[in-house]
Amino acid sequence: MIKCDGEYKWFWEIIDADTKFLVATHSSLSSN
């Protein structure tokens, strides 16, 4: 995790919106 705006968040929650689809796909594959 990284700290952002006083909150700890997972890195992929902060990635630019244009890449969120790719990140969500990667996260889904990783969790299986």
PDB file of N, CA and C in Angstrom:
ATOM      1  N   MET A   1       0.845  -1.200   0.000  1.00  0.00           N
ATOM      2  CA  MET A   1       0.000   0.000   0.000  1.00  0.00           C
ATOM      3  C   MET A   1       0.880   1.249   0.000  1.00  0.00           C
ATOM      4  N   ILE A   2       0.305   2.348  -0.413  1.00  0.00           N
ATOM      5  CA  ILE A   2       0.978   3.639  -0.316  1.00  0.00           C
ATOM      6  C   ILE A   2       0.051   4.639   0.345  1.00  0.00           C
ATOM      7  N   LYS A   3       0.654   5.670   0.938  1.00  0.00           N
ATOM      8  CA  LYS A   3      -0.161   6.672   1.623  1.00  0.00           C
ATOM      9  C   LYS A   3      -0.489   7.805   0.662  1.00  0.00           C
ATOM     10  N   CYS A   4      -1.775   8.146   0.578  1.00  0.00           N
ATOM     11  CA  CYS A   4      -2.230   9.193  -0.335  1.00  0.00           C
ATOM     12  C   CYS A   4      -3.328   9.994   0.331  1.00  0.00           C
ATOM     13  N   ASP A   5      -3.167  11.294   0.400  1.00  0.00           N
ATOM     14  CA  ASP A   5      -4.178  12.169   1.008  1.00  0.00           C
ATOM     15  C   ASP A   5      -4.531  11.737   2.429  1.00  0.00           C
ATOM     16  N   GLY A   6      -3.527  11.259   3.169  1.00  0.00           N
ATOM     17  CA  GLY A   6      -3.755  10.867   4.548  1.00  0.00           C
ATOM     18  C   GLY A   6      -4.365   9.489   4.710  1.00  0.00           C
ATOM     19  N   GLU A   7      -4.571   8.779   3.603  1.00  0.00           N
ATOM     20  CA  GLU A   7      -5.152   7.441   3.666  1.00  0.00           C
ATOM     21  C   GLU A   7      -4.210   6.453   2.993  1.00  0.00           C
ATOM     22  N   TYR A   8      -4.231   5.246   3.498  1.00  0.00           N
ATOM     23  CA  TYR A   8      -3.468   4.192   2.839  1.00  0.00           C
ATOM     24  C   TYR A   8      -4.361   3.503   1.818  1.00  0.00           C
ATOM     25  N   LYS A   9      -3.842   3.391   0.616  1.00  0.00           N
ATOM     26  CA  LYS A   9      -4.619   2.782  -0.459  1.00  0.00           C
ATOM     27  C   LYS A   9      -3.723   1.822  -1.230  1.00  0.00           C
ATOM     28  N   TRP A  10      -4.345   0.844  -1.834  1.00  0.00           N
ATOM     29  CA  TRP A  10      -3.596  -0.035  -2.722  1.00  0.00           C
ATOM     30  C   TRP A  10      -3.212   0.753  -3.970  1.00  0.00           C
ATOM     31  N   PHE A  11      -2.035   0.449  -4.495  1.00  0.00           N
ATOM     32  CA  PHE A  11      -1.491   1.197  -5.619  1.00  0.00           C
ATOM     33  C   PHE A  11      -2.479   1.291  -6.772  1.00  0.00           C
ATOM     34  N   TRP A  12      -3.133   0.177  -7.096  1.00  0.00           N
ATOM     35  CA  TRP A  12      -4.009   0.174  -8.281  1.00  0.00           C
ATOM     36  C   TRP A  12      -5.280   0.979  -8.093  1.00  0.00           C
ATOM     37  N   GLU A  13      -5.576   1.418  -6.860  1.00  0.00           N
ATOM     38  CA  GLU A  13      -6.737   2.287  -6.650  1.00  0.00           C
ATOM     39  C   GLU A  13      -6.426   3.737  -7.022  1.00  0.00           C
ATOM     40  N   ILE A  14      -5.142   4.034  -7.229  1.00  0.00           N
ATOM     41  CA  ILE A  14      -4.719   5.411  -7.475  1.00  0.00           C
ATOM     42  C   ILE A  14      -4.297   5.612  -8.934  1.00  0.00           C
ATOM     43  N   ILE A  15      -4.127   4.513  -9.665  1.00  0.00           N
ATOM     44  CA  ILE A  15      -3.688   4.604 -11.058  1.00  0.00           C
ATOM     45  C   ILE A  15      -4.682   5.422 -11.888  1.00  0.00           C
ATOM     46  N   ASP A  16      -4.169   6.100 -12.878  1.00  0.00           N
ATOM     47  CA  ASP A  16      -4.987   6.933 -13.756  1.00  0.00           C
ATOM     48  C   ASP A  16      -6.200   6.185 -14.292  1.00  0.00           C
ATOM     49  N   ALA A  17      -7.316   6.864 -14.362  1.00  0.00           N
ATOM     50  CA  ALA A  17      -8.588   6.249 -14.750  1.00  0.00           C
ATOM     51  C   ALA A  17      -8.511   5.568 -16.122  1.00  0.00           C
ATOM     52  N   ASP A  18      -7.668   6.068 -17.000  1.00  0.00           N
ATOM     53  CA  ASP A  18      -7.564   5.489 -18.340  1.00  0.00           C
ATOM     54  C   ASP A  18      -7.048   4.058 -18.322  1.00  0.00           C
ATOM     55  N   THR A  19      -6.391   3.656 -17.223  1.00  0.00           N
ATOM     56  CA  THR A  19      -5.823   2.313 -17.162  1.00  0.00           C
ATOM     57  C   THR A  19      -6.591   1.412 -16.205  1.00  0.00           C
ATOM     58  N   LYS A  20      -7.671   1.922 -15.625  1.00  0.00           N
ATOM     59  CA  LYS A  20      -8.383   1.138 -14.611  1.00  0.00           C
ATOM     60  C   LYS A  20      -8.923  -0.177 -15.162  1.00  0.00           C
ATOM     61  N   PHE A  21      -9.355  -0.194 -16.402  1.00  0.00           N
ATOM     62  CA  PHE A  21      -9.858  -1.448 -16.965  1.00  0.00           C
ATOM     63  C   PHE A  21      -8.771  -2.515 -16.962  1.00  0.00           C
ATOM     64  N   LEU A  22      -7.589  -2.146 -17.426  1.00  0.00           N
ATOM     65  CA  LEU A  22      -6.476  -3.086 -17.457  1.00  0.00           C
ATOM     66  C   LEU A  22      -6.124  -3.554 -16.051  1.00  0.00           C
ATOM     67  N   VAL A  23      -6.099  -2.629 -15.120  1.00  0.00           N
ATOM     68  CA  VAL A  23      -5.762  -2.959 -13.738  1.00  0.00           C
ATOM     69  C   VAL A  23      -6.809  -3.887 -13.127  1.00  0.00           C
ATOM     70  N   ALA A  24      -8.080  -3.588 -13.363  1.00  0.00           N
ATOM     71  CA  ALA A  24      -9.153  -4.425 -12.830  1.00  0.00           C
ATOM     72  C   ALA A  24      -9.057  -5.839 -13.395  1.00  0.00           C
ATOM     73  N   THR A  25      -8.737  -5.942 -14.667  1.00  0.00           N
ATOM     74  CA  THR A  25      -8.578  -7.247 -15.295  1.00  0.00           C
ATOM     75  C   THR A  25      -7.431  -8.007 -14.648  1.00  0.00           C
ATOM     76  N   HIS A  26      -6.316  -7.341 -14.442  1.00  0.00           N
ATOM     77  CA  HIS A  26      -5.145  -7.957 -13.820  1.00  0.00           C
ATOM     78  C   HIS A  26      -5.463  -8.402 -12.400  1.00  0.00           C
ATOM     79  N   SER A  27      -6.146  -7.567 -11.647  1.00  0.00           N
ATOM     80  CA  SER A  27      -6.494  -7.892 -10.268  1.00  0.00           C
ATOM     81  C   SER A  27      -7.407  -9.107 -10.212  1.00  0.00           C
ATOM     82  N   SER A  28      -8.356  -9.179 -11.133  1.00  0.00           N
ATOM     83  CA  SER A  28      -9.282 -10.303 -11.161  1.00  0.00           C
ATOM     84  C   SER A  28      -8.546 -11.604 -11.469  1.00  0.00           C
ATOM     85  N   LEU A  29      -7.620 -11.546 -12.401  1.00  0.00           N
ATOM     86  CA  LEU A  29      -6.855 -12.733 -12.749  1.00  0.00           C
ATOM     87  C   LEU A  29      -5.954 -13.159 -11.594  1.00  0.00           C
ATOM     88  N   SER A  30      -5.396 -12.203 -10.885  1.00  0.00           N
ATOM     89  CA  SER A  30      -4.491 -12.503  -9.786  1.00  0.00           C
ATOM     90  C   SER A  30      -5.210 -13.139  -8.606  1.00  0.00           C
ATOM     91  N   SER A  31      -6.475 -12.799  -8.406  1.00  0.00           N
ATOM     92  CA  SER A  31      -7.222 -13.272  -7.246  1.00  0.00           C
ATOM     93  C   SER A  31      -7.770 -14.681  -7.437  1.00  0.00           C
ATOM     94  N   ASN A  32      -7.711 -15.195  -8.663  1.00  0.00           N
ATOM     95  CA  ASN A  32      -8.270 -16.530  -8.923  1.00  0.00           C
ATOM     96  C   ASN A  32      -7.290 -17.631  -8.562  1.00  0.00           C
TER      97      ASN A  32
END
